[in-house]
Each structure stands twice: as structure tokens, then as C-alpha cells.
PDB file of N, CA and C in Angstrom:
ATOM      1  N   UNK A   1     -11.661 -13.657  17.262  1.00  0.00           N
ATOM      2  CA  UNK A   1     -12.863 -12.417  17.749  1.00  0.00           C
ATOM      3  C   UNK A   1     -11.747 -11.084  17.286  1.00  0.00           C
ATOM      4  N   UNK A   2     -12.583 -10.052  16.711  1.00  0.00           N
ATOM      5  CA  UNK A   2     -12.209  -8.918  16.069  1.00  0.00           C
ATOM      6  C   UNK A   2     -12.201  -8.083  17.337  1.00  0.00           C
ATOM      7  N   UNK A   3     -10.935  -7.470  17.696  1.00  0.00           N
ATOM      8  CA  UNK A   3     -11.037  -6.519  18.411  1.00  0.00           C
ATOM      9  C   UNK A   3     -11.364  -4.980  17.973  1.00  0.00           C
ATOM     10  N   UNK A   4     -12.144  -4.148  19.358  1.00  0.00           N
ATOM     11  CA  UNK A   4     -12.697  -2.914  18.518  1.00  0.00           C
ATOM     12  C   UNK A   4     -11.435  -1.926  18.200  1.00  0.00           C
ATOM     13  N   UNK A   5     -10.375  -2.342  18.852  1.00  0.00           N
ATOM     14  CA  UNK A   5      -9.078  -1.486  18.657  1.00  0.00           C
ATOM     15  C   UNK A   5      -8.624  -1.240  17.198  1.00  0.00           C
ATOM     16  N   UNK A   6      -8.638  -2.544  16.515  1.00  0.00           N
ATOM     17  CA  UNK A   6      -8.655  -2.664  14.998  1.00  0.00           C
ATOM     18  C   UNK A   6      -9.174  -1.552  14.250  1.00  0.00           C
ATOM     19  N   UNK A   7     -10.736  -1.481  14.476  1.00  0.00           N
ATOM     20  CA  UNK A   7     -11.509  -0.302  13.973  1.00  0.00           C
ATOM     21  C   UNK A   7     -11.145   0.860  14.439  1.00  0.00           C
ATOM     22  N   UNK A   8     -10.718   1.061  15.650  1.00  0.00           N
ATOM     23  CA  UNK A   8     -10.678   2.674  16.356  1.00  0.00           C
ATOM     24  C   UNK A   8      -8.999   3.069  16.052  1.00  0.00           C
ATOM     25  N   UNK A   9      -8.411   1.929  15.535  1.00  0.00           N
ATOM     26  CA  UNK A   9      -7.056   2.637  15.070  1.00  0.00           C
ATOM     27  C   UNK A   9      -6.831   2.812  13.802  1.00  0.00           C
ATOM     28  N   UNK A  10      -7.496   2.176  12.862  1.00  0.00           N
ATOM     29  CA  UNK A  10      -7.212   2.308  11.307  1.00  0.00           C
ATOM     30  C   UNK A  10      -8.330   3.136  10.929  1.00  0.00           C
ATOM     31  N   UNK A  11      -8.094   3.612   9.493  1.00  0.00           N
ATOM     32  CA  UNK A  11      -8.930   3.968   8.770  1.00  0.00           C
ATOM     33  C   UNK A  11     -10.319   3.675   9.069  1.00  0.00           C
ATOM     34  N   UNK A  12     -11.694   4.396   9.139  1.00  0.00           N
ATOM     35  CA  UNK A  12     -12.786   4.090   8.903  1.00  0.00           C
ATOM     36  C   UNK A  12     -13.370   3.474   7.774  1.00  0.00           C
ATOM     37  N   UNK A  13     -12.283   3.477   6.717  1.00  0.00           N
ATOM     38  CA  UNK A  13     -12.712   2.657   5.539  1.00  0.00           C
ATOM     39  C   UNK A  13     -12.099   1.392   5.647  1.00  0.00           C
ATOM     40  N   UNK A  14     -11.552   1.017   6.579  1.00  0.00           N
ATOM     41  CA  UNK A  14     -10.668  -0.541   6.612  1.00  0.00           C
ATOM     42  C   UNK A  14     -11.642  -1.772   5.966  1.00  0.00           C
ATOM     43  N   UNK A  15     -10.747  -2.549   5.364  1.00  0.00           N
ATOM     44  CA  UNK A  15     -11.274  -3.616   4.683  1.00  0.00           C
ATOM     45  C   UNK A  15     -10.917  -4.797   5.418  1.00  0.00           C
ATOM     46  N   UNK A  16     -11.846  -5.695   6.167  1.00  0.00           N
ATOM     47  CA  UNK A  16     -11.533  -6.800   6.973  1.00  0.00           C
ATOM     48  C   UNK A  16     -11.775  -7.774   6.691  1.00  0.00           C
ATOM     49  N   UNK A  17     -11.127  -9.233   6.629  1.00  0.00           N
ATOM     50  CA  UNK A  17     -11.995 -10.654   6.322  1.00  0.00           C
ATOM     51  C   UNK A  17     -11.643 -11.409   7.398  1.00  0.00           C
ATOM     52  N   UNK A  18     -12.566 -12.350   7.611  1.00  0.00           N
ATOM     53  CA  UNK A  18     -12.174 -13.270   8.753  1.00  0.00           C
ATOM     54  C   UNK A  18     -12.008 -14.819   7.672  1.00  0.00           C
ATOM     55  N   UNK A  19     -10.604 -15.380   7.708  1.00  0.00           N
ATOM     56  CA  UNK A  19     -10.297 -16.255   7.245  1.00  0.00           C
ATOM     57  C   UNK A  19     -10.748 -17.400   8.409  1.00  0.00           C
ATOM     58  N   UNK A  20     -11.336 -18.852   7.965  1.00  0.00           N
ATOM     59  CA  UNK A  20     -11.577 -19.907   8.712  1.00  0.00           C
ATOM     60  C   UNK A  20     -10.365 -20.632   8.425  1.00  0.00           C
ATOM     61  N   UNK A  21      -9.042 -21.095   8.791  1.00  0.00           N
ATOM     62  CA  UNK A  21      -8.483 -21.765   8.214  1.00  0.00           C
ATOM     63  C   UNK A  21      -8.160 -23.385   8.620  1.00  0.00           C
ATOM     64  N   UNK A  22      -7.624 -24.223   8.136  1.00  0.00           N
ATOM     65  CA  UNK A  22      -7.814 -25.564   8.401  1.00  0.00           C
ATOM     66  C   UNK A  22      -8.848 -26.397   7.420  1.00  0.00           C
ATOM     67  N   UNK A  23      -9.583 -25.694   6.757  1.00  0.00           N
ATOM     68  CA  UNK A  23     -10.750 -26.117   5.800  1.00  0.00           C
ATOM     69  C   UNK A  23     -10.426 -27.662   5.895  1.00  0.00           C
ATOM     70  N   UNK A  24      -9.381 -28.123   5.187  1.00  0.00           N
ATOM     71  CA  UNK A  24      -9.295 -29.414   4.948  1.00  0.00           C
ATOM     72  C   UNK A  24      -9.562 -30.299   5.961  1.00  0.00           C
ATOM     73  N   UNK A  25      -9.273 -30.023   7.231  1.00  0.00           N
ATOM     74  CA  UNK A  25      -9.729 -30.757   8.884  1.00  0.00           C
ATOM     75  C   UNK A  25     -11.115 -30.784   9.011  1.00  0.00           C
ATOM     76  N   UNK A  26     -11.743 -31.061   7.983  1.00  0.00           N
ATOM     77  CA  UNK A  26     -13.125 -30.803   8.667  1.00  0.00           C
ATOM     78  C   UNK A  26     -13.660 -31.652   9.573  1.00  0.00           C
ATOM     79  N   UNK A  27     -13.022 -32.882   9.699  1.00  0.00           N
ATOM     80  CA  UNK A  27     -13.787 -33.594  11.174  1.00  0.00           C
ATOM     81  C   UNK A  27     -13.200 -33.078  12.383  1.00  0.00           C
ATOM     82  N   UNK A  28     -12.026 -32.029  12.409  1.00  0.00           N
ATOM     83  CA  UNK A  28     -11.489 -31.642  13.548  1.00  0.00           C
ATOM     84  C   UNK A  28     -12.006 -30.336  14.131  1.00  0.00           C
ATOM     85  N   UNK A  29     -13.034 -30.124  13.338  1.00  0.00           N
ATOM     86  CA  UNK A  29     -13.625 -28.416  13.146  1.00  0.00           C
ATOM     87  C   UNK A  29     -14.233 -28.488  14.748  1.00  0.00           C
ATOM     88  N   UNK A  30     -13.804 -26.843  15.176  1.00  0.00           N
ATOM     89  CA  UNK A  30     -14.529 -26.788  16.407  1.00  0.00           C
ATOM     90  C   UNK A  30     -15.510 -25.634  16.242  1.00  0.00           C
ATOM     91  N   UNK A  31     -15.209 -24.790  15.330  1.00  0.00           N
ATOM     92  CA  UNK A  31     -16.540 -23.871  15.086  1.00  0.00           C
ATOM     93  C   UNK A  31     -16.897 -24.130  13.503  1.00  0.00           C
ATOM     94  N   UNK A  32     -18.635 -24.421  13.678  1.00  0.00           N
ATOM     95  CA  UNK A  32     -19.373 -24.493  12.617  1.00  0.00           C
ATOM     96  C   UNK A  32     -19.069 -23.563  11.309  1.00  0.00           C
ATOM     97  N   UNK A  33     -19.336 -23.527  10.241  1.00  0.00           N
ATOM     98  CA  UNK A  33     -19.694 -22.956   9.107  1.00  0.00           C
ATOM     99  C   UNK A  33     -20.198 -21.426   9.587  1.00  0.00           C
ATOM    100  N   UNK A  34     -21.519 -22.055  10.159  1.00  0.00           N
ATOM    101  CA  UNK A  34     -22.911 -21.374  10.505  1.00  0.00           C
ATOM    102  C   UNK A  34     -22.394 -20.382  11.306  1.00  0.00           C
ATOM    103  N   UNK A  35     -21.734 -20.803  12.593  1.00  0.00           N
ATOM    104  CA  UNK A  35     -21.230 -20.024  13.766  1.00  0.00           C
ATOM    105  C   UNK A  35     -19.970 -18.909  13.121  1.00  0.00           C
ATOM    106  N   UNK A  36     -19.023 -19.643  12.238  1.00  0.00           N
ATOM    107  CA  UNK A  36     -18.374 -18.231  11.632  1.00  0.00           C
ATOM    108  C   UNK A  36     -18.940 -17.046  10.976  1.00  0.00           C
ATOM    109  N   UNK A  37     -20.076 -17.510   9.793  1.00  0.00           N
ATOM    110  CA  UNK A  37     -20.583 -17.038   9.280  1.00  0.00           C
ATOM    111  C   UNK A  37     -21.409 -15.806   9.850  1.00  0.00           C
ATOM    112  N   UNK A  38     -22.118 -16.282  11.070  1.00  0.00           N
ATOM    113  CA  UNK A  38     -22.978 -15.524  11.374  1.00  0.00           C
ATOM    114  C   UNK A  38     -21.863 -14.378  12.631  1.00  0.00           C
ATOM    115  N   UNK A  39     -20.746 -14.808  12.964  1.00  0.00           N
ATOM    116  CA  UNK A  39     -19.998 -13.738  13.681  1.00  0.00           C
ATOM    117  C   UNK A  39     -19.271 -13.085  12.777  1.00  0.00           C
ATOM    118  N   UNK A  40     -19.152 -13.162  11.417  1.00  0.00           N
ATOM    119  CA  UNK A  40     -18.633 -12.337  10.643  1.00  0.00           C
ATOM    120  C   UNK A  40     -19.655 -11.301  10.325  1.00  0.00           C
ATOM    121  N   UNK A  41     -20.670 -11.796   9.948  1.00  0.00           N
ATOM    122  CA  UNK A  41     -21.987 -11.034   9.683  1.00  0.00           C
ATOM    123  C   UNK A  41     -22.223  -9.723  10.434  1.00  0.00           C
ATOM    124  N   UNK A  42     -22.320 -10.364  11.969  1.00  0.00           N
ATOM    125  CA  UNK A  42     -23.079  -9.449  12.878  1.00  0.00           C
ATOM    126  C   UNK A  42     -21.397  -8.508  13.096  1.00  0.00           C
ATOM    127  N   UNK A  43     -20.191  -8.787  12.748  1.00  0.00           N
ATOM    128  CA  UNK A  43     -19.312  -7.800  12.899  1.00  0.00           C
ATOM    129  C   UNK A  43     -18.660  -7.376  11.428  1.00  0.00           C
ATOM    130  N   UNK A  44     -19.553  -7.370  10.824  1.00  0.00           N
ATOM    131  CA  UNK A  44     -19.339  -6.656   9.402  1.00  0.00           C
ATOM    132  C   UNK A  44     -17.748  -6.920   8.772  1.00  0.00           C
ATOM    133  N   UNK A  45     -17.880  -8.458   8.626  1.00  0.00           N
ATOM    134  CA  UNK A  45     -16.487  -8.936   8.157  1.00  0.00           C
ATOM    135  C   UNK A  45     -16.999  -9.633   6.747  1.00  0.00           C
ATOM    136  N   UNK A  46     -16.053  -9.736   5.730  1.00  0.00           N
ATOM    137  CA  UNK A  46     -16.037 -10.374   5.232  1.00  0.00           C
ATOM    138  C   UNK A  46     -15.916 -11.966   5.652  1.00  0.00           C
ATOM    139  N   UNK A  47     -15.996 -13.145   4.968  1.00  0.00           N
ATOM    140  CA  UNK A  47     -15.816 -14.530   5.487  1.00  0.00           C
ATOM    141  C   UNK A  47     -15.447 -15.510   4.493  1.00  0.00           C
ATOM    142  N   UNK A  48     -14.382 -16.078   4.688  1.00  0.00           N
ATOM    143  CA  UNK A  48     -13.928 -16.822   3.886  1.00  0.00           C
ATOM    144  C   UNK A  48     -13.294 -17.939   4.754  1.00  0.00           C
ATOM    145  N   UNK A  49     -13.373 -19.541   4.239  1.00  0.00           N
ATOM    146  CA  UNK A  49     -12.847 -20.712   4.900  1.00  0.00           C
ATOM    147  C   UNK A  49     -11.847 -21.030   3.803  1.00  0.00           C
ATOM    148  N   UNK A  50     -10.599 -21.159   4.442  1.00  0.00           N
ATOM    149  CA  UNK A  50      -9.337 -21.457   3.776  1.00  0.00           C
ATOM    150  C   UNK A  50      -8.844 -22.437   4.290  1.00  0.00           C
ATOM    151  N   UNK A  51      -7.772 -23.111   3.491  1.00  0.00           N
ATOM    152  CA  UNK A  51      -6.985 -24.108   3.942  1.00  0.00           C
ATOM    153  C   UNK A  51      -5.455 -23.856   3.085  1.00  0.00           C
ATOM    154  N   UNK A  52      -4.522 -23.636   4.204  1.00  0.00           N
ATOM    155  CA  UNK A  52      -3.134 -23.325   3.879  1.00  0.00           C
ATOM    156  C   UNK A  52      -2.426 -24.305   3.327  1.00  0.00           C
ATOM    157  N   UNK A  53      -2.836 -25.835   4.063  1.00  0.00           N
ATOM    158  CA  UNK A  53      -2.506 -27.055   3.335  1.00  0.00           C
ATOM    159  C   UNK A  53      -2.246 -26.919   1.648  1.00  0.00           C
ATOM    160  N   UNK A  54      -3.913 -26.953   1.247  1.00  0.00           N
ATOM    161  CA  UNK A  54      -4.425 -26.945  -0.095  1.00  0.00           C
ATOM    162  C   UNK A  54      -4.362 -25.692  -0.773  1.00  0.00           C
ATOM    163  N   UNK A  55      -4.263 -24.922  -0.120  1.00  0.00           N
ATOM    164  CA  UNK A  55      -4.299 -23.589  -1.073  1.00  0.00           C
ATOM    165  C   UNK A  55      -5.456 -23.323  -1.295  1.00  0.00           C
ATOM    166  N   UNK A  56      -6.936 -23.886  -0.744  1.00  0.00           N
ATOM    167  CA  UNK A  56      -7.996 -23.404  -1.264  1.00  0.00           C
ATOM    168  C   UNK A  56      -8.515 -22.084  -0.351  1.00  0.00           C
ATOM    169  N   UNK A  57      -8.841 -21.106  -1.827  1.00  0.00           N
ATOM    170  CA  UNK A  57      -9.582 -19.796  -1.137  1.00  0.00           C
ATOM    171  C   UNK A  57      -8.483 -18.784  -0.573  1.00  0.00           C
ATOM    172  N   UNK A  58      -7.067 -19.322  -0.513  1.00  0.00           N
ATOM    173  CA  UNK A  58      -5.868 -18.802   0.023  1.00  0.00           C
ATOM    174  C   UNK A  58      -5.935 -17.280  -0.802  1.00  0.00           C
ATOM    175  N   UNK A  59      -5.821 -17.473  -1.921  1.00  0.00           N
ATOM    176  CA  UNK A  59      -5.628 -16.615  -2.951  1.00  0.00           C
ATOM    177  C   UNK A  59      -6.891 -15.748  -3.267  1.00  0.00           C
ATOM    178  N   UNK A  60      -8.030 -16.243  -3.011  1.00  0.00           N
ATOM    179  CA  UNK A  60      -9.298 -15.605  -2.981  1.00  0.00           C
ATOM    180  C   UNK A  60      -9.563 -14.740  -1.779  1.00  0.00           C
ATOM    181  N   UNK A  61      -9.225 -15.038  -0.801  1.00  0.00           N
ATOM    182  CA  UNK A  61      -9.185 -13.910   0.407  1.00  0.00           C
ATOM    183  C   UNK A  61      -8.355 -12.386  -0.080  1.00  0.00           C
ATOM    184  N   UNK A  62      -7.316 -12.607  -0.759  1.00  0.00           N
ATOM    185  CA  UNK A  62      -6.583 -11.541  -1.408  1.00  0.00           C
ATOM    186  C   UNK A  62      -7.343 -10.749  -2.246  1.00  0.00           C
ATOM    187  N   UNK A  63      -8.194 -11.928  -3.182  1.00  0.00           N
ATOM    188  CA  UNK A  63      -8.831 -11.104  -4.327  1.00  0.00           C
ATOM    189  C   UNK A  63     -10.386 -10.075  -3.767  1.00  0.00           C
ATOM    190  N   UNK A  64     -10.626 -11.040  -3.039  1.00  0.00           N
ATOM    191  CA  UNK A  64     -12.189 -10.227  -2.441  1.00  0.00           C
ATOM    192  C   UNK A  64     -11.691  -9.016  -1.905  1.00  0.00           C
ATOM    193  N   UNK A  65     -10.634  -8.981  -0.701  1.00  0.00           N
ATOM    194  CA  UNK A  65     -10.271  -7.585  -0.413  1.00  0.00           C
ATOM    195  C   UNK A  65      -9.759  -6.301  -1.358  1.00  0.00           C
ATOM    196  N   UNK A  66      -8.968  -6.866  -2.145  1.00  0.00           N
ATOM    197  CA  UNK A  66      -8.608  -6.068  -3.397  1.00  0.00           C
ATOM    198  C   UNK A  66      -9.600  -5.546  -3.961  1.00  0.00           C
ATOM    199  N   UNK A  67     -10.515  -6.353  -4.297  1.00  0.00           N
ATOM    200  CA  UNK A  67     -12.100  -6.030  -5.259  1.00  0.00           C
ATOM    201  C   UNK A  67     -12.657  -4.910  -4.248  1.00  0.00           C
ATOM    202  N   UNK A  68     -12.710  -5.319  -3.250  1.00  0.00           N
ATOM    203  CA  UNK A  68     -13.280  -4.622  -2.074  1.00  0.00           C
ATOM    204  C   UNK A  68     -12.799  -3.229  -2.052  1.00  0.00           C
ATOM    205  N   UNK A  69     -11.410  -2.936  -1.898  1.00  0.00           N
ATOM    206  CA  UNK A  69     -10.762  -1.970  -1.782  1.00  0.00           C
ATOM    207  C   UNK A  69     -10.974  -0.845  -3.057  1.00  0.00           C
ATOM    208  N   UNK A  70     -10.665  -1.582  -4.053  1.00  0.00           N
ATOM    209  CA  UNK A  70     -10.960  -1.068  -5.686  1.00  0.00           C
ATOM    210  C   UNK A  70     -12.271  -0.512  -5.737  1.00  0.00           C
ATOM    211  N   UNK A  71     -13.197  -1.156  -5.101  1.00  0.00           N
ATOM    212  CA  UNK A  71     -14.582  -0.374  -5.331  1.00  0.00           C
ATOM    213  C   UNK A  71     -15.014   0.782  -4.391  1.00  0.00           C
ATOM    214  N   UNK A  72     -14.142   0.490  -3.160  1.00  0.00           N
ATOM    215  CA  UNK A  72     -14.283   2.058  -2.283  1.00  0.00           C
ATOM    216  C   UNK A  72     -13.634   3.388  -3.085  1.00  0.00           C
ATOM    217  N   UNK A  73     -12.561   3.019  -3.605  1.00  0.00           N
ATOM    218  CA  UNK A  73     -11.494   3.821  -4.487  1.00  0.00           C
ATOM    219  C   UNK A  73     -12.521   4.428  -5.735  1.00  0.00           C
ATOM    220  N   UNK A  74     -12.980   3.561  -6.299  1.00  0.00           N
ATOM    221  CA  UNK A  74     -13.973   3.944  -7.692  1.00  0.00           C
ATOM    222  C   UNK A  74     -15.533   4.644  -7.009  1.00  0.00           C
ATOM    223  N   UNK A  75     -15.661   4.415  -6.149  1.00  0.00           N
ATOM    224  CA  UNK A  75     -17.057   4.949  -5.256  1.00  0.00           C
ATOM    225  C   UNK A  75     -16.585   6.290  -4.759  1.00  0.00           C
ATOM    226  N   UNK A  76     -15.336   6.598  -4.341  1.00  0.00           N
ATOM    227  CA  UNK A  76     -14.829   7.924  -3.629  1.00  0.00           C
ATOM    228  C   UNK A  76     -14.727   7.706  -2.269  1.00  0.00           C
ATOM    229  N   UNK A  77     -15.259   6.561  -1.874  1.00  0.00           N
ATOM    230  CA  UNK A  77     -15.057   6.176  -0.045  1.00  0.00           C
ATOM    231  C   UNK A  77     -13.727   6.252   0.269  1.00  0.00           C
ATOM    232  N   UNK A  78     -12.843   5.908  -0.701  1.00  0.00           N
ATOM    233  CA  UNK A  78     -11.485   5.790  -0.250  1.00  0.00           C
ATOM    234  C   UNK A  78     -10.633   6.774  -1.250  1.00  0.00           C
ATOM    235  N   UNK A  79      -9.755   7.573  -0.986  1.00  0.00           N
ATOM    236  CA  UNK A  79      -8.865   8.477  -1.685  1.00  0.00           C
ATOM    237  C   UNK A  79      -7.447   8.084  -1.365  1.00  0.00           C
ATOM    238  N   UNK A  80      -6.703   7.574  -2.462  1.00  0.00           N
ATOM    239  CA  UNK A  80      -5.234   7.367  -2.114  1.00  0.00           C
ATOM    240  C   UNK A  80      -4.414   8.377  -2.396  1.00  0.00           C
ATOM    241  N   UNK A  81      -5.212   9.320  -2.710  1.00  0.00           N
ATOM    242  CA  UNK A  81      -4.390  10.999  -2.607  1.00  0.00           C
ATOM    243  C   UNK A  81      -4.223  11.289  -1.299  1.00  0.00           C
ATOM    244  N   UNK A  82      -5.303  11.154  -0.420  1.00  0.00           N
ATOM    245  CA  UNK A  82      -5.382  11.872   0.801  1.00  0.00           C
ATOM    246  C   UNK A  82      -4.719  10.960   1.791  1.00  0.00           C
ATOM    247  N   UNK A  83      -3.853  11.937   2.534  1.00  0.00           N
ATOM    248  CA  UNK A  83      -2.603  11.624   3.561  1.00  0.00           C
ATOM    249  C   UNK A  83      -3.859  10.656   4.511  1.00  0.00           C
ATOM    250  N   UNK A  84      -3.564   9.297   5.295  1.00  0.00           N
ATOM    251  CA  UNK A  84      -4.424   9.038   6.097  1.00  0.00           C
ATOM    252  C   UNK A  84      -5.621   8.179   5.726  1.00  0.00           C
ATOM    253  N   UNK A  85      -5.458   8.141   4.527  1.00  0.00           N
ATOM    254  CA  UNK A  85      -6.812   7.210   3.779  1.00  0.00           C
ATOM    255  C   UNK A  85      -6.728   5.566   4.075  1.00  0.00           C
ATOM    256  N   UNK A  86      -5.212   5.383   4.385  1.00  0.00           N
ATOM    257  CA  UNK A  86      -4.611   3.993   4.685  1.00  0.00           C
ATOM    258  C   UNK A  86      -4.277   3.217   3.383  1.00  0.00           C
ATOM    259  N   UNK A  87      -4.466   3.667   2.376  1.00  0.00           N
ATOM    260  CA  UNK A  87      -3.843   3.160   1.220  1.00  0.00           C
ATOM    261  C   UNK A  87      -3.337   4.420   0.134  1.00  0.00           C
ATOM    262  N   UNK A  88      -2.517   3.824  -0.428  1.00  0.00           N
ATOM    263  CA  UNK A  88      -1.737   4.679  -1.559  1.00  0.00           C
ATOM    264  C   UNK A  88      -1.019   3.937  -2.662  1.00  0.00           C
ATOM    265  N   UNK A  89      -1.201   4.957  -3.671  1.00  0.00           N
ATOM    266  CA  UNK A  89      -0.450   4.390  -4.885  1.00  0.00           C
ATOM    267  C   UNK A  89       0.816   3.634  -4.905  1.00  0.00           C
ATOM    268  N   UNK A  90       1.535   2.781  -5.033  1.00  0.00           N
ATOM    269  CA  UNK A  90       2.607   2.637  -5.090  1.00  0.00           C
ATOM    270  C   UNK A  90       3.514   2.709  -6.307  1.00  0.00           C
ATOM    271  N   UNK A  91       2.930   3.253  -7.528  1.00  0.00           N
ATOM    272  CA  UNK A  91       3.691   3.386  -8.709  1.00  0.00           C
ATOM    273  C   UNK A  91       2.800   4.616  -9.521  1.00  0.00           C
ATOM    274  N   UNK A  92       3.239   5.866  -9.980  1.00  0.00           N
ATOM    275  CA  UNK A  92       2.862   6.577 -10.632  1.00  0.00           C
ATOM    276  C   UNK A  92       2.078   6.255 -11.797  1.00  0.00           C
ATOM    277  N   UNK A  93       2.295   5.105 -12.330  1.00  0.00           N
ATOM    278  CA  UNK A  93       1.873   4.694 -13.658  1.00  0.00           C
ATOM    279  C   UNK A  93       0.412   4.122 -13.053  1.00  0.00           C
ATOM    280  N   UNK A  94       0.499   3.598 -11.961  1.00  0.00           N
ATOM    281  CA  UNK A  94      -0.902   3.048 -11.313  1.00  0.00           C
ATOM    282  C   UNK A  94      -2.474   4.042 -11.022  1.00  0.00           C
ATOM    283  N   UNK A  95      -1.581   5.393 -11.251  1.00  0.00           N
ATOM    284  CA  UNK A  95      -2.588   6.001 -10.971  1.00  0.00           C
ATOM    285  C   UNK A  95      -4.003   6.073 -12.057  1.00  0.00           C
ATOM    286  N   UNK A  96      -3.794   5.560 -13.374  1.00  0.00           N
ATOM    287  CA  UNK A  96      -4.964   5.518 -14.155  1.00  0.00           C
ATOM    288  C   UNK A  96      -5.870   4.690 -13.959  1.00  0.00           C
ATOM    289  N   UNK A  97      -5.647   3.992 -12.645  1.00  0.00           N
ATOM    290  CA  UNK A  97      -6.860   3.269 -11.792  1.00  0.00           C
ATOM    291  C   UNK A  97      -7.958   4.037 -11.297  1.00  0.00           C
ATOM    292  N   UNK A  98      -7.416   5.709 -10.953  1.00  0.00           N
ATOM    293  CA  UNK A  98      -8.557   6.707 -10.545  1.00  0.00           C
ATOM    294  C   UNK A  98      -9.545   6.365 -11.181  1.00  0.00           C
ATOM    295  N   UNK A  99      -9.490   6.592 -12.264  1.00  0.00           N
ATOM    296  CA  UNK A  99     -10.793   6.859 -13.478  1.00  0.00           C
ATOM    297  C   UNK A  99     -11.712   5.798 -13.324  1.00  0.00           C
ATOM    298  N   UNK A 100     -12.763   6.231 -13.230  1.00  0.00           N
ATOM    299  CA  UNK A 100     -13.945   5.643 -13.397  1.00  0.00           C
ATOM    300  C   UNK A 100     -13.844   4.401 -14.369  1.00  0.00           C
ATOM    301  N   UNK A 101     -14.580   3.165 -14.038  1.00  0.00           N
ATOM    302  CA  UNK A 101     -14.580   2.011 -15.345  1.00  0.00           C
ATOM    303  C   UNK A 101     -15.375   2.654 -16.339  1.00  0.00           C
ATOM    304  N   UNK A 102     -14.990   1.838 -17.543  1.00  0.00           N
ATOM    305  CA  UNK A 102     -15.990   2.241 -18.588  1.00  0.00           C
ATOM    306  C   UNK A 102     -16.851   1.479 -18.376  1.00  0.00           C
ATOM    307  N   UNK A 103     -17.983   2.369 -18.744  1.00  0.00           N
ATOM    308  CA  UNK A 103     -19.226   2.025 -18.919  1.00  0.00           C
ATOM    309  C   UNK A 103     -20.087   1.671 -20.129  1.00  0.00           C
ATOM    310  N   UNK A 104     -19.553   2.156 -21.430  1.00  0.00           N
ATOM    311  CA  UNK A 104     -20.074   1.828 -22.680  1.00  0.00           C
ATOM    312  C   UNK A 104     -19.109   0.982 -23.331  1.00  0.00           C
ATOM    313  N   UNK A 105     -19.414   0.108 -24.300  1.00  0.00           N
ATOM    314  CA  UNK A 105     -18.740  -0.738 -25.256  1.00  0.00           C
ATOM    315  C   UNK A 105     -17.782   0.175 -26.019  1.00  0.00           C
ATOM    316  N   UNK A 106     -16.666  -0.412 -26.188  1.00  0.00           N
ATOM    317  CA  UNK A 106     -15.665   0.276 -26.929  1.00  0.00           C
ATOM    318  C   UNK A 106     -15.986   0.567 -28.524  1.00  0.00           C
ATOM    319  N   UNK A 107     -15.604   2.070 -28.814  1.00  0.00           N
ATOM    320  CA  UNK A 107     -15.991   2.244 -29.980  1.00  0.00           C
ATOM    321  C   UNK A 107     -15.177   1.920 -31.392  1.00  0.00           C
ATOM    322  N   UNK A 108     -15.880   1.905 -32.522  1.00  0.00           N
ATOM    323  CA  UNK A 108     -15.560   1.039 -33.931  1.00  0.00           C
ATOM    324  C   UNK A 108     -13.815   1.327 -33.915  1.00  0.00           C
ATOM    325  N   UNK A 109     -13.687   2.284 -33.103  1.00  0.00           N
ATOM    326  CA  UNK A 109     -12.207   2.969 -33.407  1.00  0.00           C
ATOM    327  C   UNK A 109     -11.524   2.272 -32.145  1.00  0.00           C
ATOM    328  N   UNK A 110     -11.699   1.773 -31.438  1.00  0.00           N
ATOM    329  CA  UNK A 110     -10.722   1.328 -30.276  1.00  0.00           C
ATOM    330  C   UNK A 110     -11.160  -0.316 -30.082  1.00  0.00           C
ATOM    331  N   UNK A 111      -9.753  -0.755 -29.958  1.00  0.00           N
ATOM    332  CA  UNK A 111     -10.013  -2.286 -29.798  1.00  0.00           C
ATOM    333  C   UNK A 111     -10.562  -2.624 -28.650  1.00  0.00           C
ATOM    334  N   UNK A 112     -11.395  -3.713 -28.572  1.00  0.00           N
ATOM    335  CA  UNK A 112     -12.218  -4.178 -27.423  1.00  0.00           C
ATOM    336  C   UNK A 112     -11.373  -5.584 -26.832  1.00  0.00           C
ATOM    337  N   UNK A 113     -10.012  -5.457 -27.351  1.00  0.00           N
ATOM    338  CA  UNK A 113      -9.202  -6.813 -27.003  1.00  0.00           C
ATOM    339  C   UNK A 113      -9.144  -6.664 -25.479  1.00  0.00           C
TER     340      UNK A 113
END
């Protein structure tokens, strides 16, 4: 269950994901997929079922969080330059990520590789 303290103590733009682990032990399930999905939706959480044993959806959980954080940076919801935003750039070379994604196809002079 999500503690309200996590949201109260973190940035208002916190990204949370609920991972239902042990997906590989479907026969021993105590919470149905539907119950977990509803809980996640009611609490505004992303949700994935994962298996640490097989690795299923483990990387995907991190990728979904990273995508959501990047989307928030690109939309201006999150500003890594602002102290207390809960996120910061780890390397000055990564600051180029701050520029918006290219919406046009590359011109003939630019390589589209």
C-alpha cells in the first residue's frame, strides 16, 4: 500500500510505480491482476507485474519510470536545474537532453542515422 507520507515528503512530481513481483508463481497468487491494477489506478501509480526470478518486466519498470521522468522534463513539469525538484543532471554533457525533441525530419544536410 502507498503511504501518503511518500507523496507528502517528496517532490509533487514524484514518479511512482507499483511492481507486483513473483509473476512466475501465478498459482500462488494472493492478489489478482485486476485488484492490483485498480489499486494502482486509484492511487495514480504505474503498474507492472514482474518476476525477479525470470527477469520479466524488471527492466521495463525502470524504463517506464525513466520515460515518465523524461516526459516531465520535456514538458517543463520538472526542471533539473531547480534545487528541490527531486532530479538533477549527473553530467554536464547530459544537459543537451533539456532541448525539446526534434519534431521535423532531418534536412538533406543532416544525417538521419
